[in-house]
């Protein structure tokens, strides 16, 4: 093999090893317009009936309030933690509170779920990160 081929193979190999770490580096959400949103710009909410680190929104509730799901390799990082749902799947939590989107929000920036039934609340931020 030529030196160029070996260098290229080393670069590809290094990227393959680094890729899983790079995918974990991104937080599950971002600040925008004074609130947390997912990577599609959809408003994120917490539910008063959840316990710290425990989701109580399952079945029909989770159809209307889809959990912000985490993949099986996701790890706690700063204010973000991973909780296990009743069905065994992983969900992101912010400051120990499981996080959801709302089915009634149709486009990025909608916050139709804020204050719903006096138990659903958008997650405010102090400053925008974008």
Protein backbone atom coordinates (compact mmCIF):
# COMPACT_ATOMS: atom_id res chain seq x y z
CA UNK A 1 0.00 0.00 0.00
CA UNK A 2 1.08 3.53 -0.61
CA UNK A 3 1.68 6.07 2.12
CA UNK A 4 -1.38 7.98 0.88
CA UNK A 5 -3.59 4.89 1.22
CA UNK A 6 -2.29 4.19 4.72
CA UNK A 7 -2.90 7.81 5.79
CA UNK A 8 -6.43 7.68 4.37
CA UNK A 9 -7.16 4.39 6.16
CA UNK A 10 -5.86 5.82 9.44
CA UNK A 11 -8.06 8.89 9.05
CA UNK A 12 -11.16 6.80 8.33
CA UNK A 13 -10.37 4.53 11.28
CA UNK A 14 -9.93 7.48 13.63
CA UNK A 15 -13.24 8.95 12.53
CA UNK A 16 -15.01 5.60 13.05
CA UNK A 17 -13.69 5.48 16.60
CA UNK A 18 -14.59 9.11 17.32
CA UNK A 19 -18.07 9.10 15.75
CA UNK A 20 -19.91 7.55 18.74
CA UNK A 21 -18.34 10.10 21.09
CA UNK A 22 -19.24 12.95 18.75
CA UNK A 23 -22.87 11.83 18.62
CA UNK A 24 -23.04 11.89 22.41
CA UNK A 25 -21.61 15.41 22.60
CA UNK A 26 -24.78 17.12 21.35
CA UNK A 27 -27.37 17.94 23.98
CA UNK A 28 -30.87 16.65 23.30
CA UNK A 29 -32.30 20.18 23.10
CA UNK A 30 -31.37 23.83 22.70
CA UNK A 31 -32.50 27.23 23.91
CA UNK A 32 -34.53 29.35 21.51
CA UNK A 33 -36.82 32.32 22.14
CA UNK A 34 -36.57 31.91 25.92
CA UNK A 35 -37.49 28.20 26.03
CA UNK A 36 -36.02 24.77 25.42
CA UNK A 37 -36.82 23.18 22.06
CA UNK A 38 -35.88 19.90 20.41
CA UNK A 39 -33.67 19.78 17.33
CA UNK A 40 -36.74 20.40 15.14
CA UNK A 41 -37.58 23.59 17.04
CA UNK A 42 -40.56 22.03 18.84
CA UNK A 43 -41.28 23.32 22.35
CA UNK A 44 -40.35 21.03 25.24
CA UNK A 45 -42.53 20.54 28.31
CA UNK A 46 -42.49 19.04 31.79
CA UNK A 47 -45.42 17.38 33.57
CA UNK A 48 -46.24 18.18 37.21
CA UNK A 49 -47.40 14.61 37.87
CA UNK A 50 -43.96 13.18 37.08
CA UNK A 51 -41.65 12.35 39.94
CA UNK A 52 -37.98 13.25 39.81
CA UNK A 53 -36.51 10.81 37.32
CA UNK A 54 -39.84 9.02 36.73
CA UNK A 55 -42.33 9.51 33.91
CA UNK A 56 -46.00 9.12 34.77
CA UNK A 57 -47.14 9.89 31.22
CA UNK A 58 -47.77 6.60 29.45
CA UNK A 59 -50.23 5.10 26.95
CA UNK A 60 -52.76 7.74 25.76
CA UNK A 61 -50.91 10.48 27.64
CA UNK A 62 -47.69 9.66 25.75
CA UNK A 63 -49.60 9.72 22.45
CA UNK A 64 -50.62 13.34 23.13
CA UNK A 65 -47.35 14.27 24.84
CA UNK A 66 -44.61 12.34 23.04
CA UNK A 67 -41.58 11.79 25.27
CA UNK A 68 -38.24 13.19 24.13
CA UNK A 69 -36.68 9.78 23.55
CA UNK A 70 -33.02 8.97 24.17
CA UNK A 71 -31.16 6.18 22.45
CA UNK A 72 -29.86 3.25 24.46
CA UNK A 73 -26.30 4.65 24.50
CA UNK A 74 -27.33 8.09 25.84
CA UNK A 75 -25.67 9.15 29.09
CA UNK A 76 -26.36 11.76 31.76
CA UNK A 77 -24.63 15.07 31.04
CA UNK A 78 -24.96 18.19 33.18
CA UNK A 79 -28.63 19.17 33.58
CA UNK A 80 -29.64 16.33 31.25
CA UNK A 81 -30.24 12.80 32.48
CA UNK A 82 -31.71 9.65 31.03
CA UNK A 83 -34.70 7.96 32.70
CA UNK A 84 -36.19 4.56 31.97
CA UNK A 85 -39.88 4.57 31.07
CA UNK A 86 -42.36 1.90 32.17
CA UNK A 87 -41.97 0.23 28.75
CA UNK A 88 -38.19 0.02 29.24
CA UNK A 89 -37.38 2.70 26.64
CA UNK A 90 -35.16 5.67 27.49
CA UNK A 91 -36.32 9.28 27.79
CA UNK A 92 -34.44 12.52 28.36
CA UNK A 93 -35.02 14.45 31.57
CA UNK A 94 -33.99 18.05 32.26
CA UNK A 95 -33.06 18.85 35.86
CA UNK A 96 -34.52 15.40 36.77
CA UNK A 97 -37.92 16.11 35.11
CA UNK A 98 -38.83 13.94 32.10
CA UNK A 99 -39.27 16.02 28.92
CA UNK A 100 -42.02 15.90 26.26
CA UNK A 101 -43.27 17.59 23.12
CA UNK A 102 -47.00 18.24 22.52
CA UNK A 103 -49.07 16.74 19.72
CA UNK A 104 -51.06 19.99 19.49
CA UNK A 105 -47.98 22.00 18.51
CA UNK A 106 -47.98 21.93 14.72
CA UNK A 107 -44.88 23.95 13.87
CA UNK A 108 -41.62 25.03 15.44
CA UNK A 109 -42.17 27.68 18.10
CA UNK A 110 -45.78 26.72 18.87
CA UNK A 111 -46.42 26.43 22.61
CA UNK A 112 -50.06 25.38 22.73
CA UNK A 113 -49.27 22.95 25.56
CA UNK A 114 -47.98 25.55 28.00
CA UNK A 115 -50.28 25.63 31.03
CA UNK A 116 -52.49 22.85 29.64
CA UNK A 117 -54.63 21.37 32.44
CA UNK A 118 -52.44 23.42 34.83
CA UNK A 119 -49.89 20.56 34.85
CA UNK A 120 -47.91 20.99 31.60
CA UNK A 121 -45.24 23.67 31.37
CA UNK A 122 -42.77 24.76 28.72
CA UNK A 123 -39.19 24.80 29.97
CA UNK A 124 -37.99 28.41 30.16
CA UNK A 125 -34.36 29.42 29.69
CA UNK A 126 -32.46 32.43 30.94
CA UNK A 127 -30.55 32.97 27.71
CA UNK A 128 -30.63 31.70 24.16
CA UNK A 129 -27.87 29.35 23.09
CA UNK A 130 -28.31 29.97 19.36
